[in-house]
């Protein structure tokens, strides 16, 4: 029996169902991968979903404050109107638009379209540019009405 110098080496040895020995393949680690546009957008979509969830908790807090009475609602309004509150609302708008547009992109993929690499890159660029444009447009409209 040979001694392994690396304890992880033992995890790569196994047996098939017929009992014969097999060496399991090594899975590539993060250092092997180069950053890619599609994987980066996928990760950002997941982060945007988490941000969207946190933003919905902010909405629930605002609604509970509105139901709790004038004093609680005034505190919530003050916080949301502060610099940090506006920054959070801007981030929520950004996350909402990104998650929505990336979701539409995934629906198109689910329908079987847009898998070619040039189209995947183009649709990713549409998601990023659309997110920026729609976020700014939302805030311009909100500030004009506000």
N, C-alpha and C. Protein backbone atom coordinates (compact mmCIF):
# COMPACT_ATOMS: atom_id res chain seq x y z
N UNK A 1 0.85 -1.18 0.00
CA UNK A 1 0.00 0.00 0.00
C UNK A 1 0.89 1.23 0.00
N UNK A 2 0.60 2.16 -0.90
CA UNK A 2 1.44 3.36 -0.98
C UNK A 2 0.90 4.43 -0.05
N UNK A 3 1.81 5.21 0.45
CA UNK A 3 1.42 6.33 1.31
C UNK A 3 1.19 7.55 0.44
N UNK A 4 0.12 8.24 0.70
CA UNK A 4 -0.12 9.47 -0.04
C UNK A 4 0.44 10.63 0.75
N UNK A 5 1.00 11.58 0.04
CA UNK A 5 1.59 12.75 0.70
C UNK A 5 0.54 13.82 0.97
N UNK A 6 -0.52 13.77 0.23
CA UNK A 6 -1.59 14.76 0.39
C UNK A 6 -2.84 14.02 0.85
N UNK A 7 -3.41 14.42 1.97
CA UNK A 7 -4.58 13.74 2.53
C UNK A 7 -5.77 13.81 1.58
N UNK A 8 -5.84 14.84 0.74
CA UNK A 8 -6.96 14.95 -0.18
C UNK A 8 -6.90 13.89 -1.27
N UNK A 9 -5.72 13.35 -1.51
CA UNK A 9 -5.53 12.35 -2.55
C UNK A 9 -6.42 11.12 -2.32
N UNK A 10 -6.65 10.78 -1.07
CA UNK A 10 -7.46 9.60 -0.75
C UNK A 10 -8.90 9.75 -1.25
N UNK A 11 -9.40 10.96 -1.35
CA UNK A 11 -10.77 11.19 -1.78
C UNK A 11 -10.96 10.94 -3.27
N UNK A 12 -9.88 10.87 -4.02
CA UNK A 12 -9.99 10.70 -5.47
C UNK A 12 -9.98 9.23 -5.89
N UNK A 13 -9.85 8.32 -4.95
CA UNK A 13 -9.85 6.90 -5.26
C UNK A 13 -11.19 6.30 -4.86
N UNK A 14 -11.74 5.48 -5.74
CA UNK A 14 -13.01 4.85 -5.43
C UNK A 14 -13.16 3.56 -6.19
N UNK A 15 -14.35 3.02 -6.14
CA UNK A 15 -14.65 1.77 -6.85
C UNK A 15 -15.94 1.94 -7.64
N UNK A 16 -15.96 1.29 -8.81
CA UNK A 16 -17.17 1.26 -9.61
C UNK A 16 -18.15 0.27 -8.98
N UNK A 17 -19.34 0.20 -9.53
CA UNK A 17 -20.34 -0.72 -8.98
C UNK A 17 -19.94 -2.18 -9.15
N UNK A 18 -19.09 -2.44 -10.13
CA UNK A 18 -18.63 -3.83 -10.30
C UNK A 18 -17.44 -4.17 -9.41
N UNK A 19 -16.95 -3.22 -8.63
CA UNK A 19 -15.87 -3.46 -7.69
C UNK A 19 -14.50 -3.06 -8.21
N UNK A 20 -14.38 -2.74 -9.51
CA UNK A 20 -13.07 -2.35 -10.03
C UNK A 20 -12.69 -0.95 -9.55
N UNK A 21 -11.37 -0.75 -9.37
CA UNK A 21 -10.89 0.53 -8.86
C UNK A 21 -10.98 1.59 -9.94
N UNK A 22 -11.22 2.80 -9.52
CA UNK A 22 -11.29 3.94 -10.42
C UNK A 22 -10.69 5.15 -9.72
N UNK A 23 -10.04 6.00 -10.51
CA UNK A 23 -9.54 7.27 -9.98
C UNK A 23 -10.51 8.36 -10.41
N UNK A 24 -11.12 8.98 -9.45
CA UNK A 24 -12.09 10.03 -9.76
C UNK A 24 -11.37 11.24 -10.35
N UNK A 25 -12.04 11.95 -11.24
CA UNK A 25 -11.40 13.13 -11.84
C UNK A 25 -11.32 14.28 -10.84
N UNK A 26 -10.31 15.09 -11.01
CA UNK A 26 -10.17 16.27 -10.18
C UNK A 26 -11.07 17.36 -10.74
N UNK A 27 -11.82 17.98 -9.90
CA UNK A 27 -12.67 19.07 -10.34
C UNK A 27 -11.85 20.34 -10.45
N UNK A 28 -12.02 21.09 -11.53
CA UNK A 28 -11.26 22.33 -11.65
C UNK A 28 -11.63 23.30 -10.54
N UNK A 29 -10.67 23.99 -10.04
CA UNK A 29 -10.89 24.95 -8.97
C UNK A 29 -11.05 26.34 -9.57
N UNK A 30 -11.37 27.31 -8.75
CA UNK A 30 -11.62 28.67 -9.23
C UNK A 30 -10.42 29.28 -9.93
N UNK A 31 -9.20 28.87 -9.57
CA UNK A 31 -8.03 29.44 -10.22
C UNK A 31 -7.93 29.03 -11.69
N UNK A 32 -8.62 27.95 -12.06
CA UNK A 32 -8.56 27.46 -13.43
C UNK A 32 -9.44 28.31 -14.34
N UNK A 33 -10.54 28.80 -13.81
CA UNK A 33 -11.50 29.53 -14.62
C UNK A 33 -11.08 30.97 -14.83
N UNK A 34 -11.34 31.47 -16.04
CA UNK A 34 -11.17 32.89 -16.32
C UNK A 34 -12.54 33.53 -16.13
N UNK A 35 -12.58 34.78 -15.66
CA UNK A 35 -13.88 35.44 -15.51
C UNK A 35 -14.60 35.50 -16.86
N UNK A 36 -15.88 35.17 -16.84
CA UNK A 36 -16.68 35.17 -18.07
C UNK A 36 -17.89 36.07 -17.87
N UNK A 37 -18.32 36.67 -18.94
CA UNK A 37 -19.45 37.59 -18.91
C UNK A 37 -20.71 36.87 -18.43
N UNK A 38 -20.97 35.68 -18.95
CA UNK A 38 -22.21 34.98 -18.62
C UNK A 38 -22.22 34.50 -17.17
N UNK A 39 -21.11 33.97 -16.69
CA UNK A 39 -21.08 33.51 -15.30
C UNK A 39 -21.13 34.70 -14.34
N UNK A 40 -20.49 35.79 -14.71
CA UNK A 40 -20.54 37.00 -13.87
C UNK A 40 -21.96 37.53 -13.74
N UNK A 41 -22.69 37.55 -14.85
CA UNK A 41 -24.08 38.01 -14.79
C UNK A 41 -24.96 37.05 -14.00
N UNK A 42 -24.67 35.77 -14.09
CA UNK A 42 -25.42 34.79 -13.32
C UNK A 42 -25.22 35.02 -11.82
N UNK A 43 -23.99 35.25 -11.42
CA UNK A 43 -23.70 35.52 -10.01
C UNK A 43 -24.37 36.82 -9.57
N UNK A 44 -24.30 37.86 -10.42
CA UNK A 44 -24.95 39.14 -10.09
C UNK A 44 -26.46 38.99 -10.00
N UNK A 45 -27.03 38.11 -10.82
CA UNK A 45 -28.48 37.88 -10.75
C UNK A 45 -28.86 37.27 -9.40
N UNK A 46 -28.04 36.37 -8.91
CA UNK A 46 -28.31 35.78 -7.59
C UNK A 46 -28.17 36.83 -6.49
N UNK A 47 -27.14 37.67 -6.60
CA UNK A 47 -26.95 38.75 -5.62
C UNK A 47 -28.11 39.72 -5.68
N UNK A 48 -28.58 40.04 -6.89
CA UNK A 48 -29.72 40.94 -7.05
C UNK A 48 -30.98 40.34 -6.42
N UNK A 49 -31.14 39.03 -6.54
CA UNK A 49 -32.29 38.37 -5.90
C UNK A 49 -32.24 38.50 -4.39
N UNK A 50 -31.05 38.37 -3.83
CA UNK A 50 -30.90 38.55 -2.38
C UNK A 50 -31.18 40.00 -2.00
N UNK A 51 -30.67 40.93 -2.80
CA UNK A 51 -30.94 42.35 -2.54
C UNK A 51 -32.42 42.69 -2.65
N UNK A 52 -33.08 42.09 -3.62
CA UNK A 52 -34.51 42.27 -3.81
C UNK A 52 -35.28 41.75 -2.59
N UNK A 53 -34.85 40.63 -2.06
CA UNK A 53 -35.48 40.07 -0.86
C UNK A 53 -35.28 41.00 0.33
N UNK A 54 -34.08 41.52 0.50
CA UNK A 54 -33.82 42.47 1.58
C UNK A 54 -34.66 43.73 1.42
N UNK A 55 -34.83 44.15 0.17
CA UNK A 55 -35.66 45.33 -0.10
C UNK A 55 -37.12 45.08 0.23
N UNK A 56 -37.58 43.88 0.01
CA UNK A 56 -38.97 43.56 0.37
C UNK A 56 -39.16 43.58 1.89
N UNK A 57 -38.13 43.21 2.62
CA UNK A 57 -38.19 43.34 4.08
C UNK A 57 -38.29 44.81 4.48
N UNK A 58 -37.59 45.67 3.74
CA UNK A 58 -37.68 47.11 3.98
C UNK A 58 -39.11 47.60 3.70
N UNK A 59 -39.71 47.09 2.65
CA UNK A 59 -41.09 47.44 2.33
C UNK A 59 -42.05 46.98 3.41
N UNK A 60 -41.85 45.78 3.92
CA UNK A 60 -42.70 45.27 5.00
C UNK A 60 -42.57 46.15 6.24
N UNK A 61 -41.33 46.55 6.55
CA UNK A 61 -41.12 47.46 7.70
C UNK A 61 -41.88 48.76 7.50
N UNK A 62 -41.84 49.30 6.29
CA UNK A 62 -42.54 50.55 5.99
C UNK A 62 -44.05 50.37 6.13
N UNK A 63 -44.58 49.24 5.64
CA UNK A 63 -46.02 48.99 5.74
C UNK A 63 -46.45 48.77 7.19
N UNK A 64 -45.66 48.05 7.96
CA UNK A 64 -45.97 47.85 9.38
C UNK A 64 -45.93 49.18 10.12
N UNK A 65 -44.96 50.03 9.79
CA UNK A 65 -44.89 51.35 10.42
C UNK A 65 -46.12 52.19 10.06
N UNK A 66 -46.58 52.07 8.82
CA UNK A 66 -47.79 52.80 8.41
C UNK A 66 -49.01 52.30 9.19
N UNK A 67 -49.07 51.01 9.45
CA UNK A 67 -50.21 50.45 10.19
C UNK A 67 -50.10 50.72 11.69
N UNK A 68 -48.89 50.94 12.17
CA UNK A 68 -48.67 51.12 13.61
C UNK A 68 -49.05 52.51 14.10
N UNK A 69 -49.12 53.46 13.22
CA UNK A 69 -49.51 54.80 13.66
C UNK A 69 -48.60 55.87 13.08
N UNK A 70 -48.98 57.11 13.35
CA UNK A 70 -48.29 58.26 12.76
C UNK A 70 -46.84 58.37 13.21
N UNK A 71 -46.57 58.11 14.49
CA UNK A 71 -45.19 58.27 14.98
C UNK A 71 -44.25 57.26 14.34
N UNK A 72 -44.68 56.00 14.26
CA UNK A 72 -43.84 54.97 13.65
C UNK A 72 -43.66 55.23 12.16
N UNK A 73 -44.73 55.68 11.50
CA UNK A 73 -44.64 55.96 10.07
C UNK A 73 -43.72 57.15 9.80
N UNK A 74 -43.77 58.13 10.67
CA UNK A 74 -42.89 59.30 10.51
C UNK A 74 -41.42 58.90 10.63
N UNK A 75 -41.11 58.00 11.56
CA UNK A 75 -39.72 57.53 11.70
C UNK A 75 -39.28 56.76 10.46
N UNK A 76 -40.16 55.91 9.94
CA UNK A 76 -39.83 55.15 8.73
C UNK A 76 -39.62 56.08 7.55
N UNK A 77 -40.50 57.06 7.41
CA UNK A 77 -40.37 58.03 6.33
C UNK A 77 -39.08 58.84 6.46
N UNK A 78 -38.74 59.21 7.70
CA UNK A 78 -37.50 59.97 7.92
C UNK A 78 -36.30 59.13 7.48
N UNK A 79 -36.27 57.86 7.89
CA UNK A 79 -35.15 57.00 7.52
C UNK A 79 -35.05 56.81 6.01
N UNK A 80 -36.18 56.52 5.37
CA UNK A 80 -36.16 56.30 3.93
C UNK A 80 -35.83 57.57 3.15
N UNK A 81 -36.07 58.73 3.75
CA UNK A 81 -35.72 60.00 3.11
C UNK A 81 -34.31 60.45 3.41
N UNK A 82 -33.63 59.78 4.32
CA UNK A 82 -32.24 60.13 4.63
C UNK A 82 -31.32 59.65 3.51
N UNK A 83 -30.06 60.08 3.56
CA UNK A 83 -29.10 59.69 2.53
C UNK A 83 -28.97 58.17 2.46
N UNK A 84 -28.84 57.54 3.60
CA UNK A 84 -28.67 56.07 3.62
C UNK A 84 -29.95 55.39 3.12
N UNK A 85 -31.11 55.91 3.52
CA UNK A 85 -32.36 55.33 3.05
C UNK A 85 -32.52 55.47 1.54
N UNK A 86 -32.18 56.64 1.01
CA UNK A 86 -32.26 56.83 -0.44
C UNK A 86 -31.26 55.95 -1.17
N UNK A 87 -30.08 55.78 -0.59
CA UNK A 87 -29.09 54.89 -1.18
C UNK A 87 -29.61 53.45 -1.20
N UNK A 88 -30.26 53.04 -0.12
CA UNK A 88 -30.83 51.70 -0.07
C UNK A 88 -31.95 51.55 -1.11
N UNK A 89 -32.78 52.57 -1.25
CA UNK A 89 -33.86 52.51 -2.23
C UNK A 89 -33.32 52.50 -3.66
N UNK A 90 -32.24 53.25 -3.89
CA UNK A 90 -31.61 53.23 -5.21
C UNK A 90 -31.05 51.83 -5.50
N UNK A 91 -30.40 51.23 -4.52
CA UNK A 91 -29.87 49.88 -4.68
C UNK A 91 -31.00 48.88 -4.90
N UNK A 92 -32.11 49.07 -4.21
CA UNK A 92 -33.27 48.20 -4.40
C UNK A 92 -33.82 48.33 -5.82
N UNK A 93 -33.87 49.55 -6.33
CA UNK A 93 -34.33 49.76 -7.70
C UNK A 93 -33.40 49.09 -8.69
N UNK A 94 -32.10 49.25 -8.46
CA UNK A 94 -31.10 48.62 -9.32
C UNK A 94 -31.24 47.10 -9.29
N UNK A 95 -31.39 46.54 -8.10
CA UNK A 95 -31.53 45.08 -7.97
C UNK A 95 -32.83 44.60 -8.63
N UNK A 96 -33.90 45.35 -8.46
CA UNK A 96 -35.18 44.95 -9.02
C UNK A 96 -35.13 44.93 -10.55
N UNK A 97 -34.58 45.98 -11.15
CA UNK A 97 -34.50 46.01 -12.61
C UNK A 97 -33.56 44.95 -13.15
N UNK A 98 -32.40 44.79 -12.50
CA UNK A 98 -31.45 43.78 -12.97
C UNK A 98 -32.05 42.38 -12.87
N UNK A 99 -32.66 42.08 -11.74
CA UNK A 99 -33.24 40.76 -11.54
C UNK A 99 -34.40 40.51 -12.52
N UNK A 100 -35.17 41.52 -12.80
CA UNK A 100 -36.28 41.40 -13.74
C UNK A 100 -35.76 41.14 -15.16
N UNK A 101 -34.81 41.96 -15.60
CA UNK A 101 -34.29 41.81 -16.96
C UNK A 101 -33.52 40.50 -17.13
N UNK A 102 -32.75 40.13 -16.13
CA UNK A 102 -32.04 38.85 -16.19
C UNK A 102 -33.03 37.68 -16.17
N UNK A 103 -34.13 37.85 -15.46
CA UNK A 103 -35.18 36.82 -15.46
C UNK A 103 -35.83 36.67 -16.83
N UNK A 104 -36.06 37.78 -17.51
CA UNK A 104 -36.61 37.73 -18.87
C UNK A 104 -35.61 37.04 -19.79
N UNK A 105 -34.33 37.36 -19.61
CA UNK A 105 -33.28 36.70 -20.41
C UNK A 105 -33.31 35.18 -20.19
N UNK A 106 -33.49 34.77 -18.96
CA UNK A 106 -33.56 33.34 -18.67
C UNK A 106 -34.82 32.70 -19.24
N UNK A 107 -35.92 33.45 -19.26
CA UNK A 107 -37.14 32.92 -19.88
C UNK A 107 -36.94 32.69 -21.37
N UNK A 108 -36.23 33.61 -22.02
CA UNK A 108 -35.92 33.43 -23.44
C UNK A 108 -35.06 32.18 -23.62
N UNK A 109 -34.09 31.98 -22.73
CA UNK A 109 -33.27 30.77 -22.80
C UNK A 109 -34.12 29.52 -22.56
N UNK A 110 -35.06 29.61 -21.62
CA UNK A 110 -35.94 28.46 -21.35
C UNK A 110 -36.79 28.10 -22.57
N UNK A 111 -37.06 29.10 -23.41
CA UNK A 111 -37.81 28.84 -24.63
C UNK A 111 -36.92 28.26 -25.73
N UNK A 112 -35.61 28.18 -25.46
CA UNK A 112 -34.69 27.56 -26.41
C UNK A 112 -33.98 28.52 -27.32
N UNK A 113 -34.00 29.81 -27.03
CA UNK A 113 -33.36 30.80 -27.88
C UNK A 113 -32.19 31.47 -27.17
N UNK A 114 -31.24 31.99 -27.96
CA UNK A 114 -30.18 32.83 -27.43
C UNK A 114 -29.01 32.11 -26.81
N UNK A 115 -28.79 30.84 -27.14
CA UNK A 115 -27.69 30.09 -26.55
C UNK A 115 -26.36 30.32 -27.25
N UNK A 116 -26.38 30.76 -28.49
CA UNK A 116 -25.13 31.02 -29.20
C UNK A 116 -24.34 32.08 -28.43
N UNK A 117 -23.04 31.90 -28.35
CA UNK A 117 -22.22 32.77 -27.52
C UNK A 117 -22.35 34.26 -27.87
N UNK A 118 -22.36 34.64 -29.16
CA UNK A 118 -22.54 36.07 -29.46
C UNK A 118 -23.88 36.60 -28.97
N UNK A 119 -24.92 35.78 -29.09
CA UNK A 119 -26.25 36.22 -28.61
C UNK A 119 -26.30 36.27 -27.08
N UNK A 120 -25.64 35.34 -26.44
CA UNK A 120 -25.61 35.34 -24.97
C UNK A 120 -24.89 36.59 -24.46
N UNK A 121 -23.78 36.94 -25.12
CA UNK A 121 -23.06 38.16 -24.72
C UNK A 121 -23.90 39.41 -25.01
N UNK A 122 -24.58 39.43 -26.16
CA UNK A 122 -25.41 40.58 -26.51
C UNK A 122 -26.58 40.74 -25.55
N UNK A 123 -27.23 39.63 -25.21
CA UNK A 123 -28.36 39.73 -24.28
C UNK A 123 -27.88 40.14 -22.89
N UNK A 124 -26.68 39.72 -22.51
CA UNK A 124 -26.11 40.17 -21.24
C UNK A 124 -25.86 41.66 -21.24
N UNK A 125 -25.37 42.18 -22.36
CA UNK A 125 -25.13 43.61 -22.47
C UNK A 125 -26.46 44.38 -22.42
N UNK A 126 -27.49 43.82 -23.04
CA UNK A 126 -28.82 44.45 -22.98
C UNK A 126 -29.32 44.50 -21.54
N UNK A 127 -29.08 43.44 -20.77
CA UNK A 127 -29.49 43.41 -19.37
C UNK A 127 -28.77 44.51 -18.58
N UNK A 128 -27.47 44.63 -18.77
CA UNK A 128 -26.68 45.61 -18.01
C UNK A 128 -27.07 47.04 -18.40
N UNK A 129 -27.12 47.32 -19.70
CA UNK A 129 -27.47 48.67 -20.14
C UNK A 129 -28.91 48.99 -19.78
N UNK A 130 -29.80 48.02 -20.00
CA UNK A 130 -31.22 48.23 -19.64
C UNK A 130 -31.40 48.50 -18.16
N UNK A 131 -30.63 47.82 -17.33
CA UNK A 131 -30.70 48.05 -15.89
C UNK A 131 -30.32 49.48 -15.55
N UNK A 132 -29.23 49.94 -16.12
CA UNK A 132 -28.80 51.32 -15.86
C UNK A 132 -29.82 52.34 -16.33
N UNK A 133 -30.30 52.18 -17.55
CA UNK A 133 -31.25 53.13 -18.12
C UNK A 133 -32.56 53.12 -17.34
N UNK A 134 -33.10 51.95 -17.06
CA UNK A 134 -34.38 51.88 -16.35
C UNK A 134 -34.27 52.35 -14.90
N UNK A 135 -33.13 52.10 -14.26
CA UNK A 135 -32.95 52.59 -12.88
C UNK A 135 -32.93 54.11 -12.86
N UNK A 136 -32.14 54.70 -13.74
CA UNK A 136 -32.06 56.18 -13.80
C UNK A 136 -33.42 56.75 -14.19
N UNK A 137 -34.08 56.16 -15.16
CA UNK A 137 -35.40 56.64 -15.58
C UNK A 137 -36.41 56.55 -14.43
N UNK A 138 -36.39 55.47 -13.69
CA UNK A 138 -37.28 55.32 -12.54
C UNK A 138 -37.05 56.43 -11.53
N UNK A 139 -35.78 56.72 -11.24
CA UNK A 139 -35.48 57.75 -10.24
C UNK A 139 -35.76 59.15 -10.75
N UNK A 140 -35.57 59.40 -12.03
CA UNK A 140 -35.93 60.71 -12.58
C UNK A 140 -37.42 60.93 -12.46
N UNK A 141 -38.20 59.93 -12.83
CA UNK A 141 -39.66 60.04 -12.72
C UNK A 141 -40.06 60.19 -11.25
N UNK A 142 -39.46 59.39 -10.36
CA UNK A 142 -39.81 59.46 -8.94
C UNK A 142 -39.47 60.83 -8.37
N UNK A 143 -38.33 61.41 -8.72
CA UNK A 143 -37.93 62.70 -8.17
C UNK A 143 -38.76 63.84 -8.74
N UNK A 144 -39.21 63.71 -9.99
CA UNK A 144 -40.08 64.73 -10.56
C UNK A 144 -41.43 64.72 -9.86
N UNK A 145 -41.97 63.54 -9.58
CA UNK A 145 -43.26 63.42 -8.92
C UNK A 145 -43.15 63.77 -7.44
N UNK A 146 -42.02 63.36 -6.84
CA UNK A 146 -41.83 63.55 -5.40
C UNK A 146 -41.76 65.02 -5.12
